C-alpha atoms as a PDB file:
ATOM      1  CA  UNK A   1      -0.075  -0.023   0.055  1.00  0.00           C
ATOM      2  CA  UNK A   2       1.433   3.289  -0.979  1.00  0.00           C
ATOM      3  CA  UNK A   3       1.851   6.215   1.434  1.00  0.00           C
ATOM      4  CA  UNK A   4      -1.024   8.287   0.139  1.00  0.00           C
ATOM      5  CA  UNK A   5      -3.558   5.388   0.306  1.00  0.00           C
ATOM      6  CA  UNK A   6      -2.243   4.543   3.864  1.00  0.00           C
ATOM      7  CA  UNK A   7      -2.686   8.162   5.082  1.00  0.00           C
ATOM      8  CA  UNK A   8      -6.129   8.268   3.653  1.00  0.00           C
ATOM      9  CA  UNK A   9      -7.199   5.110   5.236  1.00  0.00           C
ATOM     10  CA  UNK A  10      -5.853   6.284   8.660  1.00  0.00           C
ATOM     11  CA  UNK A  11      -7.593   9.727   8.195  1.00  0.00           C
ATOM     12  CA  UNK A  12     -10.788   7.925   7.539  1.00  0.00           C
ATOM     13  CA  UNK A  13     -10.571   5.656  10.495  1.00  0.00           C
ATOM     14  CA  UNK A  14      -9.604   8.554  12.700  1.00  0.00           C
ATOM     15  CA  UNK A  15     -12.678  10.578  11.432  1.00  0.00           C
ATOM     16  CA  UNK A  16     -15.035   7.645  12.140  1.00  0.00           C
ATOM     17  CA  UNK A  17     -13.596   7.277  15.676  1.00  0.00           C
ATOM     18  CA  UNK A  18     -13.843  11.076  16.300  1.00  0.00           C
ATOM     19  CA  UNK A  19     -17.486  11.025  15.060  1.00  0.00           C
ATOM     20  CA  UNK A  20     -18.329   8.137  17.301  1.00  0.00           C
ATOM     21  CA  UNK A  21     -16.971  10.146  20.260  1.00  0.00           C
ATOM     22  CA  UNK A  22     -18.518  13.502  19.322  1.00  0.00           C
ATOM     23  CA  UNK A  23     -20.468  15.057  22.223  1.00  0.00           C
ATOM     24  CA  UNK A  24     -24.329  14.677  22.346  1.00  0.00           C
ATOM     25  CA  UNK A  25     -26.507  17.330  20.930  1.00  0.00           C
ATOM     26  CA  UNK A  26     -28.153  19.630  23.412  1.00  0.00           C
ATOM     27  CA  UNK A  27     -31.573  18.374  24.496  1.00  0.00           C
ATOM     28  CA  UNK A  28     -34.573  19.873  22.617  1.00  0.00           C
ATOM     29  CA  UNK A  29     -36.361  20.707  25.734  1.00  0.00           C
ATOM     30  CA  UNK A  30     -35.702  20.458  29.655  1.00  0.00           C
ATOM     31  CA  UNK A  31     -37.675  17.238  29.651  1.00  0.00           C
ATOM     32  CA  UNK A  32     -35.540  15.626  26.924  1.00  0.00           C
ATOM     33  CA  UNK A  33     -32.722  13.364  27.995  1.00  0.00           C
ATOM     34  CA  UNK A  34     -29.102  14.526  27.634  1.00  0.00           C
ATOM     35  CA  UNK A  35     -28.053  11.407  25.755  1.00  0.00           C
ATOM     36  CA  UNK A  36     -27.987  10.927  22.088  1.00  0.00           C
ATOM     37  CA  UNK A  37     -30.657   8.672  20.681  1.00  0.00           C
ATOM     38  CA  UNK A  38     -28.144   5.769  20.090  1.00  0.00           C
ATOM     39  CA  UNK A  39     -27.529   5.714  23.817  1.00  0.00           C
ATOM     40  CA  UNK A  40     -31.291   5.233  24.715  1.00  0.00           C
ATOM     41  CA  UNK A  41     -33.279   2.079  25.636  1.00  0.00           C
ATOM     42  CA  UNK A  42     -36.959   1.726  24.893  1.00  0.00           C
ATOM     43  CA  UNK A  43     -37.666   2.654  28.608  1.00  0.00           C
ATOM     44  CA  UNK A  44     -35.854   6.047  28.264  1.00  0.00           C
ATOM     45  CA  UNK A  45     -32.980   4.998  30.579  1.00  0.00           C
ATOM     46  CA  UNK A  46     -29.416   5.479  29.464  1.00  0.00           C
ATOM     47  CA  UNK A  47     -27.557   2.289  28.266  1.00  0.00           C
ATOM     48  CA  UNK A  48     -24.783   1.230  30.503  1.00  0.00           C
ATOM     49  CA  UNK A  49     -21.630  -0.046  28.734  1.00  0.00           C
ATOM     50  CA  UNK A  50     -19.978  -3.347  29.734  1.00  0.00           C
ATOM     51  CA  UNK A  51     -16.672  -3.221  31.565  1.00  0.00           C
ATOM     52  CA  UNK A  52     -13.713  -4.458  30.032  1.00  0.00           C
ATOM     53  CA  UNK A  53     -13.298  -8.318  30.361  1.00  0.00           C
ATOM     54  CA  UNK A  54     -11.605  -9.272  33.559  1.00  0.00           C
ATOM     55  CA  UNK A  55     -11.737  -5.780  34.919  1.00  0.00           C
ATOM     56  CA  UNK A  56     -11.760  -5.322  38.677  1.00  0.00           C
ATOM     57  CA  UNK A  57     -11.963  -2.554  41.215  1.00  0.00           C
ATOM     58  CA  UNK A  58     -10.848  -2.821  44.855  1.00  0.00           C
ATOM     59  CA  UNK A  59      -9.915  -0.996  47.850  1.00  0.00           C
ATOM     60  CA  UNK A  60      -6.112  -1.126  48.484  1.00  0.00           C
ATOM     61  CA  UNK A  61      -6.348   0.459  51.963  1.00  0.00           C
ATOM     62  CA  UNK A  62      -7.665   0.296  54.597  1.00  0.00           C
ATOM     63  CA  UNK A  63      -7.972  -3.476  54.673  1.00  0.00           C
ATOM     64  CA  UNK A  64     -11.229  -5.068  55.668  1.00  0.00           C
ATOM     65  CA  UNK A  65     -11.565  -5.144  59.431  1.00  0.00           C
ATOM     66  CA  UNK A  66      -8.992  -2.460  60.000  1.00  0.00           C
ATOM     67  CA  UNK A  67      -9.202  -0.149  62.993  1.00  0.00           C
ATOM     68  CA  UNK A  68      -8.284   3.497  61.901  1.00  0.00           C
ATOM     69  CA  UNK A  69      -8.164   6.923  63.294  1.00  0.00           C
ATOM     70  CA  UNK A  70      -9.866   9.804  61.491  1.00  0.00           C
ATOM     71  CA  UNK A  71      -8.828  11.295  59.154  1.00  0.00           C
ATOM     72  CA  UNK A  72      -7.581   8.214  57.274  1.00  0.00           C
ATOM     73  CA  UNK A  73      -6.543   7.630  53.610  1.00  0.00           C
ATOM     74  CA  UNK A  74      -8.601   5.239  51.230  1.00  0.00           C
ATOM     75  CA  UNK A  75      -6.627   4.146  48.185  1.00  0.00           C
ATOM     76  CA  UNK A  76      -8.572   2.779  45.228  1.00  0.00           C
ATOM     77  CA  UNK A  77      -7.196  -0.003  43.044  1.00  0.00           C
ATOM     78  CA  UNK A  78      -8.165  -0.858  39.460  1.00  0.00           C
ATOM     79  CA  UNK A  79      -7.224  -3.634  37.080  1.00  0.00           C
ATOM     80  CA  UNK A  80      -7.939  -4.107  33.453  1.00  0.00           C
ATOM     81  CA  UNK A  81      -9.323  -0.566  32.804  1.00  0.00           C
ATOM     82  CA  UNK A  82      -7.943   3.035  32.986  1.00  0.00           C
ATOM     83  CA  UNK A  83      -9.016   6.171  34.915  1.00  0.00           C
ATOM     84  CA  UNK A  84     -10.041   9.194  33.121  1.00  0.00           C
ATOM     85  CA  UNK A  85     -11.881  12.318  34.470  1.00  0.00           C
ATOM     86  CA  UNK A  86     -15.709  12.634  34.205  1.00  0.00           C
ATOM     87  CA  UNK A  87     -16.842  13.944  30.923  1.00  0.00           C
ATOM     88  CA  UNK A  88     -13.802  12.469  29.038  1.00  0.00           C
ATOM     89  CA  UNK A  89     -15.005   9.687  26.622  1.00  0.00           C
ATOM     90  CA  UNK A  90     -12.283   7.028  26.141  1.00  0.00           C
ATOM     91  CA  UNK A  91     -13.101   3.446  25.721  1.00  0.00           C
ATOM     92  CA  UNK A  92     -12.476   1.165  28.733  1.00  0.00           C
ATOM     93  CA  UNK A  93     -12.082   4.174  31.112  1.00  0.00           C
ATOM     94  CA  UNK A  94     -14.017   5.588  34.005  1.00  0.00           C
ATOM     95  CA  UNK A  95     -13.694   7.025  37.447  1.00  0.00           C
ATOM     96  CA  UNK A  96     -14.220   6.082  40.968  1.00  0.00           C
ATOM     97  CA  UNK A  97     -17.202   6.476  43.394  1.00  0.00           C
ATOM     98  CA  UNK A  98     -16.888   5.545  47.023  1.00  0.00           C
ATOM     99  CA  UNK A  99     -20.071   4.341  48.866  1.00  0.00           C
ATOM    100  CA  UNK A 100     -19.797   5.160  52.550  1.00  0.00           C
ATOM    101  CA  UNK A 101     -22.320   3.215  54.760  1.00  0.00           C
ATOM    102  CA  UNK A 102     -24.432   2.666  51.618  1.00  0.00           C
ATOM    103  CA  UNK A 103     -25.606  -0.429  49.784  1.00  0.00           C
ATOM    104  CA  UNK A 104     -25.054  -0.666  46.086  1.00  0.00           C
ATOM    105  CA  UNK A 105     -28.565  -2.351  45.819  1.00  0.00           C
ATOM    106  CA  UNK A 106     -30.091   0.860  47.136  1.00  0.00           C
ATOM    107  CA  UNK A 107     -28.869   2.855  44.092  1.00  0.00           C
ATOM    108  CA  UNK A 108     -30.523   3.159  40.702  1.00  0.00           C
ATOM    109  CA  UNK A 109     -27.792   2.078  38.510  1.00  0.00           C
ATOM    110  CA  UNK A 110     -29.658   3.044  35.279  1.00  0.00           C
ATOM    111  CA  UNK A 111     -29.253   6.610  36.237  1.00  0.00           C
ATOM    112  CA  UNK A 112     -26.058   8.761  36.934  1.00  0.00           C
ATOM    113  CA  UNK A 113     -24.781   8.008  40.519  1.00  0.00           C
ATOM    114  CA  UNK A 114     -25.942  10.732  42.806  1.00  0.00           C
ATOM    115  CA  UNK A 115     -23.431  12.997  44.597  1.00  0.00           C
ATOM    116  CA  UNK A 116     -24.267  12.796  48.244  1.00  0.00           C
ATOM    117  CA  UNK A 117     -22.388  12.608  51.545  1.00  0.00           C
ATOM    118  CA  UNK A 118     -22.870   8.674  51.136  1.00  0.00           C
ATOM    119  CA  UNK A 119     -21.909   8.595  47.436  1.00  0.00           C
ATOM    120  CA  UNK A 120     -18.555  10.451  46.943  1.00  0.00           C
ATOM    121  CA  UNK A 121     -17.547  11.268  43.306  1.00  0.00           C
ATOM    122  CA  UNK A 122     -13.886  11.284  42.208  1.00  0.00           C
ATOM    123  CA  UNK A 123     -14.583  12.771  38.735  1.00  0.00           C
ATOM    124  CA  UNK A 124     -11.154  14.297  38.410  1.00  0.00           C
ATOM    125  CA  UNK A 125      -9.730  10.783  38.269  1.00  0.00           C
ATOM    126  CA  UNK A 126      -8.425  10.549  41.742  1.00  0.00           C
ATOM    127  CA  UNK A 127      -7.300   7.264  43.079  1.00  0.00           C
ATOM    128  CA  UNK A 128      -7.250   8.052  46.702  1.00  0.00           C
ATOM    129  CA  UNK A 129      -9.003  10.353  49.264  1.00  0.00           C
ATOM    130  CA  UNK A 130      -8.741  11.300  52.794  1.00  0.00           C
ATOM    131  CA  UNK A 131     -11.918  10.561  54.883  1.00  0.00           C
ATOM    132  CA  UNK A 132     -13.049  11.862  58.213  1.00  0.00           C
ATOM    133  CA  UNK A 133     -15.687   9.767  59.720  1.00  0.00           C
ATOM    134  CA  UNK A 134     -17.097   9.655  63.235  1.00  0.00           C
ATOM    135  CA  UNK A 135     -16.067   6.822  65.696  1.00  0.00           C
ATOM    136  CA  UNK A 136     -17.827   3.565  65.023  1.00  0.00           C
ATOM    137  CA  UNK A 137     -18.173   0.873  62.468  1.00  0.00           C
ATOM    138  CA  UNK A 138     -18.418   1.891  58.788  1.00  0.00           C
ATOM    139  CA  UNK A 139     -18.717   0.294  55.551  1.00  0.00           C
ATOM    140  CA  UNK A 140     -16.858   1.316  52.335  1.00  0.00           C
ATOM    141  CA  UNK A 141     -17.324   0.117  48.633  1.00  0.00           C
ATOM    142  CA  UNK A 142     -16.057   1.331  45.353  1.00  0.00           C
ATOM    143  CA  UNK A 143     -18.176   1.609  42.240  1.00  0.00           C
ATOM    144  CA  UNK A 144     -16.396   2.451  38.937  1.00  0.00           C
ATOM    145  CA  UNK A 145     -18.517   4.415  36.444  1.00  0.00           C
ATOM    146  CA  UNK A 146     -18.143   5.836  32.864  1.00  0.00           C
ATOM    147  CA  UNK A 147     -17.683   9.459  31.750  1.00  0.00           C
ATOM    148  CA  UNK A 148     -21.404  10.361  32.579  1.00  0.00           C
ATOM    149  CA  UNK A 149     -21.299   8.661  36.245  1.00  0.00           C
ATOM    150  CA  UNK A 150     -23.240   5.648  34.891  1.00  0.00           C
ATOM    151  CA  UNK A 151     -22.344   2.457  36.422  1.00  0.00           C
ATOM    152  CA  UNK A 152     -21.017  -0.268  33.973  1.00  0.00           C
ATOM    153  CA  UNK A 153     -23.339  -3.278  33.295  1.00  0.00           C
ATOM    154  CA  UNK A 154     -22.784  -5.517  35.191  1.00  0.00           C
ATOM    155  CA  UNK A 155     -21.602  -3.088  37.769  1.00  0.00           C
ATOM    156  CA  UNK A 156     -17.901  -2.845  38.378  1.00  0.00           C
ATOM    157  CA  UNK A 157     -17.490  -2.604  42.104  1.00  0.00           C
ATOM    158  CA  UNK A 158     -15.360  -3.689  44.989  1.00  0.00           C
ATOM    159  CA  UNK A 159     -16.305  -5.974  47.852  1.00  0.00           C
ATOM    160  CA  UNK A 160     -17.772  -4.012  50.711  1.00  0.00           C
ATOM    161  CA  UNK A 161     -15.231  -3.691  53.558  1.00  0.00           C
ATOM    162  CA  UNK A 162     -15.983  -2.888  57.235  1.00  0.00           C
ATOM    163  CA  UNK A 163     -13.694  -0.613  59.194  1.00  0.00           C
ATOM    164  CA  UNK A 164     -13.719   0.582  62.797  1.00  0.00           C
ATOM    165  CA  UNK A 165     -12.988   4.352  63.278  1.00  0.00           C
ATOM    166  CA  UNK A 166     -11.633   5.074  66.803  1.00  0.00           C
END
Protein backbone atom coordinates (compact mmCIF):
# COMPACT_ATOMS: atom_id res chain seq x y z
CA UNK A 1 0.00 0.00 0.00
CA UNK A 2 1.46 3.35 -0.94
CA UNK A 3 1.86 6.21 1.51
CA UNK A 4 -1.04 8.30 0.16
CA UNK A 5 -3.52 5.40 0.38
CA UNK A 6 -2.31 4.52 3.90
CA UNK A 7 -2.66 8.14 5.09
CA UNK A 8 -6.15 8.36 3.58
CA UNK A 9 -7.19 5.12 5.28
CA UNK A 10 -5.84 6.28 8.63
CA UNK A 11 -7.52 9.68 8.28
CA UNK A 12 -10.81 7.98 7.45
CA UNK A 13 -10.53 5.67 10.45
CA UNK A 14 -9.66 8.64 12.71
CA UNK A 15 -12.66 10.61 11.40
CA UNK A 16 -15.01 7.69 12.12
CA UNK A 17 -13.60 7.28 15.64
CA UNK A 18 -13.89 11.03 16.29
CA UNK A 19 -17.48 11.07 15.01
CA UNK A 20 -18.34 8.16 17.31
CA UNK A 21 -17.03 10.13 20.30
CA UNK A 22 -18.58 13.48 19.35
CA UNK A 23 -20.49 15.12 22.20
CA UNK A 24 -24.23 14.62 22.32
CA UNK A 25 -26.40 17.39 20.88
CA UNK A 26 -28.16 19.59 23.41
CA UNK A 27 -31.60 18.34 24.47
CA UNK A 28 -34.54 19.84 22.58
CA UNK A 29 -36.36 20.66 25.82
CA UNK A 30 -35.67 20.48 29.56
CA UNK A 31 -37.64 17.21 29.67
CA UNK A 32 -35.56 15.61 26.91
CA UNK A 33 -32.70 13.35 28.04
CA UNK A 34 -29.13 14.56 27.57
CA UNK A 35 -28.02 11.35 25.83
CA UNK A 36 -27.97 10.85 22.05
CA UNK A 37 -30.69 8.57 20.64
CA UNK A 38 -28.14 5.77 20.07
CA UNK A 39 -27.57 5.67 23.83
CA UNK A 40 -31.25 5.21 24.75
CA UNK A 41 -33.20 2.09 25.61
CA UNK A 42 -36.92 1.77 24.90
CA UNK A 43 -37.68 2.67 28.53
CA UNK A 44 -35.76 5.95 28.23
CA UNK A 45 -32.97 4.89 30.62
CA UNK A 46 -29.39 5.42 29.41
CA UNK A 47 -27.61 2.31 28.24
CA UNK A 48 -24.78 1.19 30.46
CA UNK A 49 -21.59 0.00 28.83
CA UNK A 50 -20.04 -3.33 29.71
CA UNK A 51 -16.75 -3.16 31.63
CA UNK A 52 -13.63 -4.53 29.97
CA UNK A 53 -13.39 -8.32 30.32
CA UNK A 54 -11.58 -9.25 33.53
CA UNK A 55 -11.69 -5.69 34.92
CA UNK A 56 -11.65 -5.36 38.70
CA UNK A 57 -11.98 -2.50 41.16
CA UNK A 58 -10.89 -2.88 44.78
CA UNK A 59 -9.92 -0.98 47.91
CA UNK A 60 -6.17 -1.13 48.50
CA UNK A 61 -6.31 0.50 51.94
CA UNK A 62 -7.60 0.32 54.53
CA UNK A 63 -7.99 -3.45 54.71
CA UNK A 64 -11.27 -5.10 55.65
CA UNK A 65 -11.59 -5.22 59.44
CA UNK A 66 -8.98 -2.48 60.02
CA UNK A 67 -9.16 -0.09 62.94
CA UNK A 68 -8.28 3.46 61.85
CA UNK A 69 -8.13 6.95 63.30
CA UNK A 70 -9.85 9.81 61.50
CA UNK A 71 -8.81 11.27 59.19
CA UNK A 72 -7.53 8.27 57.20
CA UNK A 73 -6.56 7.57 53.60
CA UNK A 74 -8.59 5.32 51.30
CA UNK A 75 -6.63 4.07 48.25
CA UNK A 76 -8.50 2.80 45.18
CA UNK A 77 -7.31 -0.06 42.99
CA UNK A 78 -8.23 -0.85 39.40
CA UNK A 79 -7.20 -3.68 37.09
CA UNK A 80 -8.00 -4.07 33.39
CA UNK A 81 -9.31 -0.55 32.71
CA UNK A 82 -8.01 3.00 32.91
CA UNK A 83 -8.96 6.08 34.89
CA UNK A 84 -10.18 9.22 33.08
CA UNK A 85 -11.95 12.30 34.43
CA UNK A 86 -15.72 12.52 34.23
CA UNK A 87 -16.81 13.89 30.87
CA UNK A 88 -13.81 12.44 29.04
CA UNK A 89 -14.99 9.69 26.68
CA UNK A 90 -12.28 7.07 26.15
CA UNK A 91 -13.09 3.39 25.71
CA UNK A 92 -12.46 1.19 28.75
CA UNK A 93 -12.01 4.09 31.16
CA UNK A 94 -14.03 5.62 33.95
CA UNK A 95 -13.69 7.07 37.41
CA UNK A 96 -14.26 5.99 41.00
CA UNK A 97 -17.20 6.54 43.33
CA UNK A 98 -16.94 5.60 46.99
CA UNK A 99 -20.01 4.37 48.84
CA UNK A 100 -19.84 5.17 52.56
CA UNK A 101 -22.30 3.26 54.76
CA UNK A 102 -24.45 2.66 51.65
CA UNK A 103 -25.58 -0.44 49.80
CA UNK A 104 -25.09 -0.71 46.05
CA UNK A 105 -28.52 -2.35 45.76
CA UNK A 106 -30.12 0.87 47.06
CA UNK A 107 -28.84 2.89 44.06
CA UNK A 108 -30.60 3.19 40.70
CA UNK A 109 -27.75 2.09 38.45
CA UNK A 110 -29.71 3.00 35.29
CA UNK A 111 -29.20 6.66 36.22
CA UNK A 112 -26.01 8.65 36.88
CA UNK A 113 -24.79 8.00 40.41
CA UNK A 114 -25.94 10.78 42.76
CA UNK A 115 -23.40 12.96 44.54
CA UNK A 116 -24.21 12.81 48.26
CA UNK A 117 -22.39 12.53 51.56
CA UNK A 118 -22.77 8.72 51.16
CA UNK A 119 -21.84 8.52 47.43
CA UNK A 120 -18.55 10.36 46.92
CA UNK A 121 -17.50 11.19 43.34
CA UNK A 122 -13.89 11.28 42.15
CA UNK A 123 -14.59 12.76 38.73
CA UNK A 124 -11.14 14.30 38.36
CA UNK A 125 -9.66 10.82 38.16
CA UNK A 126 -8.47 10.63 41.77
CA UNK A 127 -7.28 7.26 43.02
CA UNK A 128 -7.28 8.04 46.74
CA UNK A 129 -8.97 10.29 49.25
CA UNK A 130 -8.72 11.27 52.89
CA UNK A 131 -11.89 10.57 54.86
CA UNK A 132 -13.01 11.88 58.20
CA UNK A 133 -15.68 9.68 59.73
CA UNK A 134 -17.12 9.65 63.25
CA UNK A 135 -16.07 6.90 65.65
CA UNK A 136 -17.79 3.59 65.09
CA UNK A 137 -18.24 0.86 62.50
CA UNK A 138 -18.44 1.95 58.84
CA UNK A 139 -18.62 0.27 55.44
CA UNK A 140 -16.81 1.31 52.26
CA UNK A 141 -17.33 0.09 48.70
CA UNK A 142 -16.03 1.36 45.36
CA UNK A 143 -18.12 1.64 42.21
CA UNK A 144 -16.43 2.39 38.91
CA UNK A 145 -18.49 4.45 36.46
CA UNK A 146 -18.19 5.86 32.95
CA UNK A 147 -17.72 9.44 31.79
CA UNK A 148 -21.36 10.22 32.58
CA UNK A 149 -21.30 8.74 36.12
CA UNK A 150 -23.21 5.66 34.89
CA UNK A 151 -22.30 2.35 36.45
CA UNK A 152 -21.05 -0.29 34.05
CA UNK A 153 -23.32 -3.26 33.34
CA UNK A 154 -22.72 -5.51 35.14
CA UNK A 155 -21.62 -3.11 37.87
CA UNK A 156 -17.87 -2.89 38.35
CA UNK A 157 -17.58 -2.63 42.12
CA UNK A 158 -15.31 -3.75 44.92
CA UNK A 159 -16.28 -5.97 47.76
CA UNK A 160 -17.70 -4.04 50.68
CA UNK A 161 -15.26 -3.64 53.56
CA UNK A 162 -15.99 -2.84 57.18
CA UNK A 163 -13.71 -0.64 59.23
CA UNK A 164 -13.75 0.61 62.81
CA UNK A 165 -12.98 4.28 63.37
CA UNK A 166 -11.59 5.00 66.86
